[in-house]
Amino acid sequence: MKRTTVNLSDETDARLRHEAQRRGITISELTREAIQAHLGVQRTLGAAAAGWGGRRDVSERIEEILANEVAPLP
């Protein structure tokens, strides 16, 4: 992961900090989410290719597999 410095106005910084605190996440997490949403970055699901791994129990374990791959929405 790369570190990037961003200069923000006092107002934007205050709004960012307030929103991060309101959601119970770090400023870094909120900033990453905002940038990814702006750029249209999509997460990939490792479970999407589970059927090609030779495992025969994927359909029985799909909820467990997805729970391990997808973080809950805030």
PDB file of N, CA and C in Angstrom:
ATOM      1  N   MET A   1       0.845  -1.157   0.000  1.00  0.00           N
ATOM      2  CA  MET A   1       0.000   0.000   0.000  1.00  0.00           C
ATOM      3  C   MET A   1       0.899   1.231   0.000  1.00  0.00           C
ATOM      4  N   LYS A   2       0.535   2.221  -0.787  1.00  0.00           N
ATOM      5  CA  LYS A   2       1.302   3.469  -0.898  1.00  0.00           C
ATOM      6  C   LYS A   2       0.730   4.531   0.029  1.00  0.00           C
ATOM      7  N   ARG A   3       1.593   5.402   0.503  1.00  0.00           N
ATOM      8  CA  ARG A   3       1.171   6.548   1.318  1.00  0.00           C
ATOM      9  C   ARG A   3       1.148   7.778   0.417  1.00  0.00           C
ATOM     10  N   THR A   4       0.078   8.559   0.525  1.00  0.00           N
ATOM     11  CA  THR A   4      -0.080   9.770  -0.264  1.00  0.00           C
ATOM     12  C   THR A   4      -0.481  10.914   0.660  1.00  0.00           C
ATOM     13  N   THR A   5       0.082  12.071   0.419  1.00  0.00           N
ATOM     14  CA  THR A   5      -0.264  13.259   1.187  1.00  0.00           C
ATOM     15  C   THR A   5      -1.216  14.112   0.359  1.00  0.00           C
ATOM     16  N   VAL A   6      -2.285  14.565   0.998  1.00  0.00           N
ATOM     17  CA  VAL A   6      -3.278  15.396   0.320  1.00  0.00           C
ATOM     18  C   VAL A   6      -3.483  16.658   1.152  1.00  0.00           C
ATOM     19  N   ASN A   7      -3.473  17.802   0.510  1.00  0.00           N
ATOM     20  CA  ASN A   7      -3.746  19.068   1.191  1.00  0.00           C
ATOM     21  C   ASN A   7      -5.236  19.369   1.089  1.00  0.00           C
ATOM     22  N   LEU A   8      -5.871  19.587   2.244  1.00  0.00           N
ATOM     23  CA  LEU A   8      -7.306  19.860   2.300  1.00  0.00           C
ATOM     24  C   LEU A   8      -7.551  21.197   2.970  1.00  0.00           C
ATOM     25  N   SER A   9      -8.645  21.830   2.594  1.00  0.00           N
ATOM     26  CA  SER A   9      -9.038  23.048   3.303  1.00  0.00           C
ATOM     27  C   SER A   9      -9.450  22.647   4.712  1.00  0.00           C
ATOM     28  N   ASP A  10      -9.453  23.608   5.610  1.00  0.00           N
ATOM     29  CA  ASP A  10      -9.865  23.331   6.991  1.00  0.00           C
ATOM     30  C   ASP A  10     -11.282  22.778   7.037  1.00  0.00           C
ATOM     31  N   GLU A  11     -12.161  23.339   6.210  1.00  0.00           N
ATOM     32  CA  GLU A  11     -13.549  22.876   6.184  1.00  0.00           C
ATOM     33  C   GLU A  11     -13.655  21.423   5.717  1.00  0.00           C
ATOM     34  N   THR A  12     -12.950  21.084   4.645  1.00  0.00           N
ATOM     35  CA  THR A  12     -12.991  19.713   4.130  1.00  0.00           C
ATOM     36  C   THR A  12     -12.392  18.745   5.136  1.00  0.00           C
ATOM     37  N   ASP A  13     -11.297  19.129   5.773  1.00  0.00           N
ATOM     38  CA  ASP A  13     -10.674  18.292   6.788  1.00  0.00           C
ATOM     39  C   ASP A  13     -11.647  18.034   7.940  1.00  0.00           C
ATOM     40  N   ALA A  14     -12.332  19.081   8.383  1.00  0.00           N
ATOM     41  CA  ALA A  14     -13.293  18.929   9.486  1.00  0.00           C
ATOM     42  C   ALA A  14     -14.441  18.006   9.090  1.00  0.00           C
ATOM     43  N   ARG A  15     -14.919  18.153   7.864  1.00  0.00           N
ATOM     44  CA  ARG A  15     -16.016  17.286   7.391  1.00  0.00           C
ATOM     45  C   ARG A  15     -15.557  15.835   7.285  1.00  0.00           C
ATOM     46  N   LEU A  16     -14.330  15.632   6.795  1.00  0.00           N
ATOM     47  CA  LEU A  16     -13.770  14.291   6.676  1.00  0.00           C
ATOM     48  C   LEU A  16     -13.649  13.636   8.041  1.00  0.00           C
ATOM     49  N   ARG A  17     -13.094  14.356   8.996  1.00  0.00           N
ATOM     50  CA  ARG A  17     -12.937  13.823  10.346  1.00  0.00           C
ATOM     51  C   ARG A  17     -14.284  13.525  10.999  1.00  0.00           C
ATOM     52  N   HIS A  18     -15.242  14.421  10.811  1.00  0.00           N
ATOM     53  CA  HIS A  18     -16.574  14.224  11.381  1.00  0.00           C
ATOM     54  C   HIS A  18     -17.227  12.953  10.799  1.00  0.00           C
ATOM     55  N   GLU A  19     -17.155  12.789   9.484  1.00  0.00           N
ATOM     56  CA  GLU A  19     -17.778  11.620   8.839  1.00  0.00           C
ATOM     57  C   GLU A  19     -17.091  10.325   9.268  1.00  0.00           C
ATOM     58  N   ALA A  20     -15.773  10.335   9.348  1.00  0.00           N
ATOM     59  CA  ALA A  20     -15.048   9.143   9.788  1.00  0.00           C
ATOM     60  C   ALA A  20     -15.454   8.770  11.212  1.00  0.00           C
ATOM     61  N   GLN A  21     -15.538   9.759  12.078  1.00  0.00           N
ATOM     62  CA  GLN A  21     -15.942   9.500  13.462  1.00  0.00           C
ATOM     63  C   GLN A  21     -17.385   9.007  13.521  1.00  0.00           C
ATOM     64  N   ARG A  22     -18.257   9.629  12.731  1.00  0.00           N
ATOM     65  CA  ARG A  22     -19.664   9.230  12.713  1.00  0.00           C
ATOM     66  C   ARG A  22     -19.826   7.766  12.296  1.00  0.00           C
ATOM     67  N   ARG A  23     -19.009   7.337  11.324  1.00  0.00           N
ATOM     68  CA  ARG A  23     -19.096   5.972  10.814  1.00  0.00           C
ATOM     69  C   ARG A  23     -18.246   4.986  11.605  1.00  0.00           C
ATOM     70  N   GLY A  24     -17.408   5.490  12.500  1.00  0.00           N
ATOM     71  CA  GLY A  24     -16.565   4.616  13.309  1.00  0.00           C
ATOM     72  C   GLY A  24     -15.435   3.974  12.534  1.00  0.00           C
ATOM     73  N   ILE A  25     -14.903   4.698  11.551  1.00  0.00           N
ATOM     74  CA  ILE A  25     -13.787   4.194  10.756  1.00  0.00           C
ATOM     75  C   ILE A  25     -12.673   5.234  10.768  1.00  0.00           C
ATOM     76  N   THR A  26     -11.502   4.842  10.298  1.00  0.00           N
ATOM     77  CA  THR A  26     -10.381   5.770  10.265  1.00  0.00           C
ATOM     78  C   THR A  26     -10.527   6.729   9.083  1.00  0.00           C
ATOM     79  N   ILE A  27      -9.815   7.846   9.190  1.00  0.00           N
ATOM     80  CA  ILE A  27      -9.792   8.801   8.093  1.00  0.00           C
ATOM     81  C   ILE A  27      -9.220   8.135   6.839  1.00  0.00           C
ATOM     82  N   SER A  28      -8.221   7.294   7.011  1.00  0.00           N
ATOM     83  CA  SER A  28      -7.625   6.584   5.868  1.00  0.00           C
ATOM     84  C   SER A  28      -8.645   5.685   5.179  1.00  0.00           C
ATOM     85  N   GLU A  29      -9.425   4.952   5.972  1.00  0.00           N
ATOM     86  CA  GLU A  29     -10.446   4.073   5.384  1.00  0.00           C
ATOM     87  C   GLU A  29     -11.471   4.881   4.592  1.00  0.00           C
ATOM     88  N   LEU A  30     -11.940   5.961   5.179  1.00  0.00           N
ATOM     89  CA  LEU A  30     -12.935   6.797   4.510  1.00  0.00           C
ATOM     90  C   LEU A  30     -12.365   7.410   3.240  1.00  0.00           C
ATOM     91  N   THR A  31     -11.123   7.866   3.300  1.00  0.00           N
ATOM     92  CA  THR A  31     -10.480   8.451   2.125  1.00  0.00           C
ATOM     93  C   THR A  31     -10.328   7.420   1.018  1.00  0.00           C
ATOM     94  N   ARG A  32      -9.885   6.203   1.364  1.00  0.00           N
ATOM     95  CA  ARG A  32      -9.760   5.134   0.358  1.00  0.00           C
ATOM     96  C   ARG A  32     -11.112   4.829  -0.277  1.00  0.00           C
ATOM     97  N   GLU A  33     -12.162   4.713   0.550  1.00  0.00           N
ATOM     98  CA  GLU A  33     -13.501   4.429   0.024  1.00  0.00           C
ATOM     99  C   GLU A  33     -13.946   5.512  -0.953  1.00  0.00           C
ATOM    100  N   ALA A  34     -13.718   6.775  -0.576  1.00  0.00           N
ATOM    101  CA  ALA A  34     -14.146   7.886  -1.423  1.00  0.00           C
ATOM    102  C   ALA A  34     -13.395   7.888  -2.752  1.00  0.00           C
ATOM    103  N   ILE A  35     -12.099   7.650  -2.705  1.00  0.00           N
ATOM    104  CA  ILE A  35     -11.304   7.633  -3.935  1.00  0.00           C
ATOM    105  C   ILE A  35     -11.724   6.471  -4.815  1.00  0.00           C
ATOM    106  N   GLN A  36     -11.908   5.294  -4.220  1.00  0.00           N
ATOM    107  CA  GLN A  36     -12.327   4.132  -4.997  1.00  0.00           C
ATOM    108  C   GLN A  36     -13.697   4.359  -5.624  1.00  0.00           C
ATOM    109  N   ALA A  37     -14.617   4.961  -4.886  1.00  0.00           N
ATOM    110  CA  ALA A  37     -15.951   5.239  -5.428  1.00  0.00           C
ATOM    111  C   ALA A  37     -15.851   6.248  -6.577  1.00  0.00           C
ATOM    112  N   HIS A  38     -15.016   7.253  -6.410  1.00  0.00           N
ATOM    113  CA  HIS A  38     -14.859   8.275  -7.441  1.00  0.00           C
ATOM    114  C   HIS A  38     -14.244   7.697  -8.717  1.00  0.00           C
ATOM    115  N   LEU A  39     -13.275   6.811  -8.548  1.00  0.00           N
ATOM    116  CA  LEU A  39     -12.585   6.232  -9.703  1.00  0.00           C
ATOM    117  C   LEU A  39     -13.322   5.026 -10.286  1.00  0.00           C
ATOM    118  N   GLY A  40     -14.357   4.573  -9.602  1.00  0.00           N
ATOM    119  CA  GLY A  40     -15.094   3.412 -10.093  1.00  0.00           C
ATOM    120  C   GLY A  40     -14.337   2.117  -9.886  1.00  0.00           C
ATOM    121  N   VAL A  41     -13.465   2.080  -8.884  1.00  0.00           N
ATOM    122  CA  VAL A  41     -12.696   0.874  -8.594  1.00  0.00           C
ATOM    123  C   VAL A  41     -13.633  -0.172  -8.021  1.00  0.00           C
ATOM    124  N   GLN A  42     -13.582  -1.368  -8.579  1.00  0.00           N
ATOM    125  CA  GLN A  42     -14.425  -2.447  -8.096  1.00  0.00           C
ATOM    126  C   GLN A  42     -13.564  -3.480  -7.403  1.00  0.00           C
ATOM    127  N   ARG A  43     -14.112  -4.005  -6.299  1.00  0.00           N
ATOM    128  CA  ARG A  43     -13.415  -5.085  -5.608  1.00  0.00           C
ATOM    129  C   ARG A  43     -13.637  -6.383  -6.371  1.00  0.00           C
ATOM    130  N   THR A  44     -12.651  -7.242  -6.310  1.00  0.00           N
ATOM    131  CA  THR A  44     -12.817  -8.556  -6.920  1.00  0.00           C
ATOM    132  C   THR A  44     -13.135  -9.554  -5.827  1.00  0.00           C
ATOM    133  N   LEU A  45     -13.913 -10.519  -6.168  1.00  0.00           N
ATOM    134  CA  LEU A  45     -14.272 -11.561  -5.216  1.00  0.00           C
ATOM    135  C   LEU A  45     -13.488 -12.827  -5.539  1.00  0.00           C
ATOM    136  N   GLY A  46     -12.645 -13.225  -4.628  1.00  0.00           N
ATOM    137  CA  GLY A  46     -11.891 -14.457  -4.832  1.00  0.00           C
ATOM    138  C   GLY A  46     -12.809 -15.663  -4.959  1.00  0.00           C
ATOM    139  N   ALA A  47     -13.984 -15.582  -4.353  1.00  0.00           N
ATOM    140  CA  ALA A  47     -14.929 -16.698  -4.412  1.00  0.00           C
ATOM    141  C   ALA A  47     -15.534 -16.851  -5.797  1.00  0.00           C
ATOM    142  N   ALA A  48     -15.438 -15.820  -6.634  1.00  0.00           N
ATOM    143  CA  ALA A  48     -16.037 -15.887  -7.956  1.00  0.00           C
ATOM    144  C   ALA A  48     -15.414 -17.007  -8.792  1.00  0.00           C
ATOM    145  N   ALA A  49     -14.175 -17.332  -8.527  1.00  0.00           N
ATOM    146  CA  ALA A  49     -13.502 -18.380  -9.283  1.00  0.00           C
ATOM    147  C   ALA A  49     -13.442 -19.693  -8.500  1.00  0.00           C
ATOM    148  N   ALA A  50     -14.187 -19.783  -7.426  1.00  0.00           N
ATOM    149  CA  ALA A  50     -14.113 -20.964  -6.571  1.00  0.00           C
ATOM    150  C   ALA A  50     -14.492 -22.239  -7.306  1.00  0.00           C
ATOM    151  N   GLY A  51     -15.379 -22.142  -8.261  1.00  0.00           N
ATOM    152  CA  GLY A  51     -15.813 -23.325  -9.005  1.00  0.00           C
ATOM    153  C   GLY A  51     -14.722 -23.946  -9.847  1.00  0.00           C
ATOM    154  N   TRP A  52     -13.679 -23.196 -10.125  1.00  0.00           N
ATOM    155  CA  TRP A  52     -12.594 -23.694 -10.962  1.00  0.00           C
ATOM    156  C   TRP A  52     -11.472 -24.325 -10.150  1.00  0.00           C
ATOM    157  N   GLY A  53     -11.599 -24.324  -8.837  1.00  0.00           N
ATOM    158  CA  GLY A  53     -10.522 -24.814  -7.991  1.00  0.00           C
ATOM    159  C   GLY A  53     -10.550 -26.301  -7.720  1.00  0.00           C
ATOM    160  N   GLY A  54     -11.514 -26.998  -8.275  1.00  0.00           N
ATOM    161  CA  GLY A  54     -11.583 -28.424  -8.077  1.00  0.00           C
ATOM    162  C   GLY A  54     -12.331 -28.835  -6.816  1.00  0.00           C
ATOM    163  N   ARG A  55     -12.780 -27.872  -6.031  1.00  0.00           N
ATOM    164  CA  ARG A  55     -13.537 -28.203  -4.822  1.00  0.00           C
ATOM    165  C   ARG A  55     -14.958 -28.553  -5.212  1.00  0.00           C
ATOM    166  N   ARG A  56     -15.486 -29.580  -4.597  1.00  0.00           N
ATOM    167  CA  ARG A  56     -16.839 -30.026  -4.926  1.00  0.00           C
ATOM    168  C   ARG A  56     -17.881 -29.546  -3.931  1.00  0.00           C
ATOM    169  N   ASP A  57     -17.443 -28.876  -2.871  1.00  0.00           N
ATOM    170  CA  ASP A  57     -18.388 -28.453  -1.840  1.00  0.00           C
ATOM    171  C   ASP A  57     -18.699 -26.963  -1.882  1.00  0.00           C
ATOM    172  N   VAL A  58     -18.374 -26.296  -2.981  1.00  0.00           N
ATOM    173  CA  VAL A  58     -18.559 -24.852  -3.063  1.00  0.00           C
ATOM    174  C   VAL A  58     -20.024 -24.473  -2.873  1.00  0.00           C
ATOM    175  N   SER A  59     -20.925 -25.165  -3.519  1.00  0.00           N
ATOM    176  CA  SER A  59     -22.339 -24.803  -3.401  1.00  0.00           C
ATOM    177  C   SER A  59     -22.839 -24.970  -1.972  1.00  0.00           C
ATOM    178  N   GLU A  60     -22.259 -25.892  -1.232  1.00  0.00           N
ATOM    179  CA  GLU A  60     -22.662 -26.098   0.157  1.00  0.00           C
ATOM    180  C   GLU A  60     -22.028 -25.061   1.085  1.00  0.00           C
ATOM    181  N   ARG A  61     -20.889 -24.497   0.682  1.00  0.00           N
ATOM    182  CA  ARG A  61     -20.140 -23.571   1.530  1.00  0.00           C
ATOM    183  C   ARG A  61     -20.172 -22.132   1.034  1.00  0.00           C
ATOM    184  N   ILE A  62     -21.042 -21.802   0.056  1.00  0.00           N
ATOM    185  CA  ILE A  62     -20.995 -20.494  -0.579  1.00  0.00           C
ATOM    186  C   ILE A  62     -21.158 -19.354   0.426  1.00  0.00           C
ATOM    187  N   GLU A  63     -22.041 -19.479   1.414  1.00  0.00           N
ATOM    188  CA  GLU A  63     -22.221 -18.419   2.405  1.00  0.00           C
ATOM    189  C   GLU A  63     -20.936 -18.196   3.203  1.00  0.00           C
ATOM    190  N   GLU A  64     -20.291 -19.268   3.595  1.00  0.00           N
ATOM    191  CA  GLU A  64     -19.030 -19.161   4.336  1.00  0.00           C
ATOM    192  C   GLU A  64     -17.947 -18.527   3.478  1.00  0.00           C
ATOM    193  N   ILE A  65     -17.852 -18.927   2.221  1.00  0.00           N
ATOM    194  CA  ILE A  65     -16.834 -18.400   1.309  1.00  0.00           C
ATOM    195  C   ILE A  65     -17.047 -16.908   1.096  1.00  0.00           C
ATOM    196  N   LEU A  66     -18.288 -16.506   0.827  1.00  0.00           N
ATOM    197  CA  LEU A  66     -18.569 -15.094   0.595  1.00  0.00           C
ATOM    198  C   LEU A  66     -18.348 -14.265   1.853  1.00  0.00           C
ATOM    199  N   ALA A  67     -18.698 -14.799   3.002  1.00  0.00           N
ATOM    200  CA  ALA A  67     -18.489 -14.071   4.263  1.00  0.00           C
ATOM    201  C   ALA A  67     -17.007 -13.793   4.479  1.00  0.00           C
ATOM    202  N   ASN A  68     -16.147 -14.684   4.041  1.00  0.00           N
ATOM    203  CA  ASN A  68     -14.701 -14.493   4.185  1.00  0.00           C
ATOM    204  C   ASN A  68     -14.148 -13.532   3.146  1.00  0.00           C
ATOM    205  N   GLU A  69     -14.847 -13.350   2.025  1.00  0.00           N
ATOM    206  CA  GLU A  69     -14.360 -12.520   0.939  1.00  0.00           C
ATOM    207  C   GLU A  69     -14.897 -11.095   0.949  1.00  0.00           C
ATOM    208  N   VAL A  70     -16.083 -10.891   1.490  1.00  0.00           N
ATOM    209  CA  VAL A  70     -16.761  -9.604   1.417  1.00  0.00           C
ATOM    210  C   VAL A  70     -16.866  -8.990   2.797  1.00  0.00           C
ATOM    211  N   ALA A  71     -16.309  -7.800   2.957  1.00  0.00           N
ATOM    212  CA  ALA A  71     -16.427  -7.091   4.230  1.00  0.00           C
ATOM    213  C   ALA A  71     -17.835  -6.520   4.336  1.00  0.00           C
ATOM    214  N   PRO A  72     -18.392  -6.496   5.528  1.00  0.00           N
ATOM    215  CA  PRO A  72     -19.741  -5.940   5.696  1.00  0.00           C
ATOM    216  C   PRO A  72     -19.765  -4.447   5.348  1.00  0.00           C
ATOM    217  N   LEU A  73     -20.868  -3.989   4.809  1.00  0.00           N
ATOM    218  CA  LEU A  73     -21.018  -2.574   4.484  1.00  0.00           C
ATOM    219  C   LEU A  73     -21.216  -1.773   5.759  1.00  0.00           C
ATOM    220  N   PRO A  74     -20.644  -0.573   5.776  1.00  0.00           N
ATOM    221  CA  PRO A  74     -20.804   0.263   6.983  1.00  0.00           C
ATOM    222  C   PRO A  74     -22.220   0.750   7.150  1.00  0.00           C
TER     223      PRO A  74
END
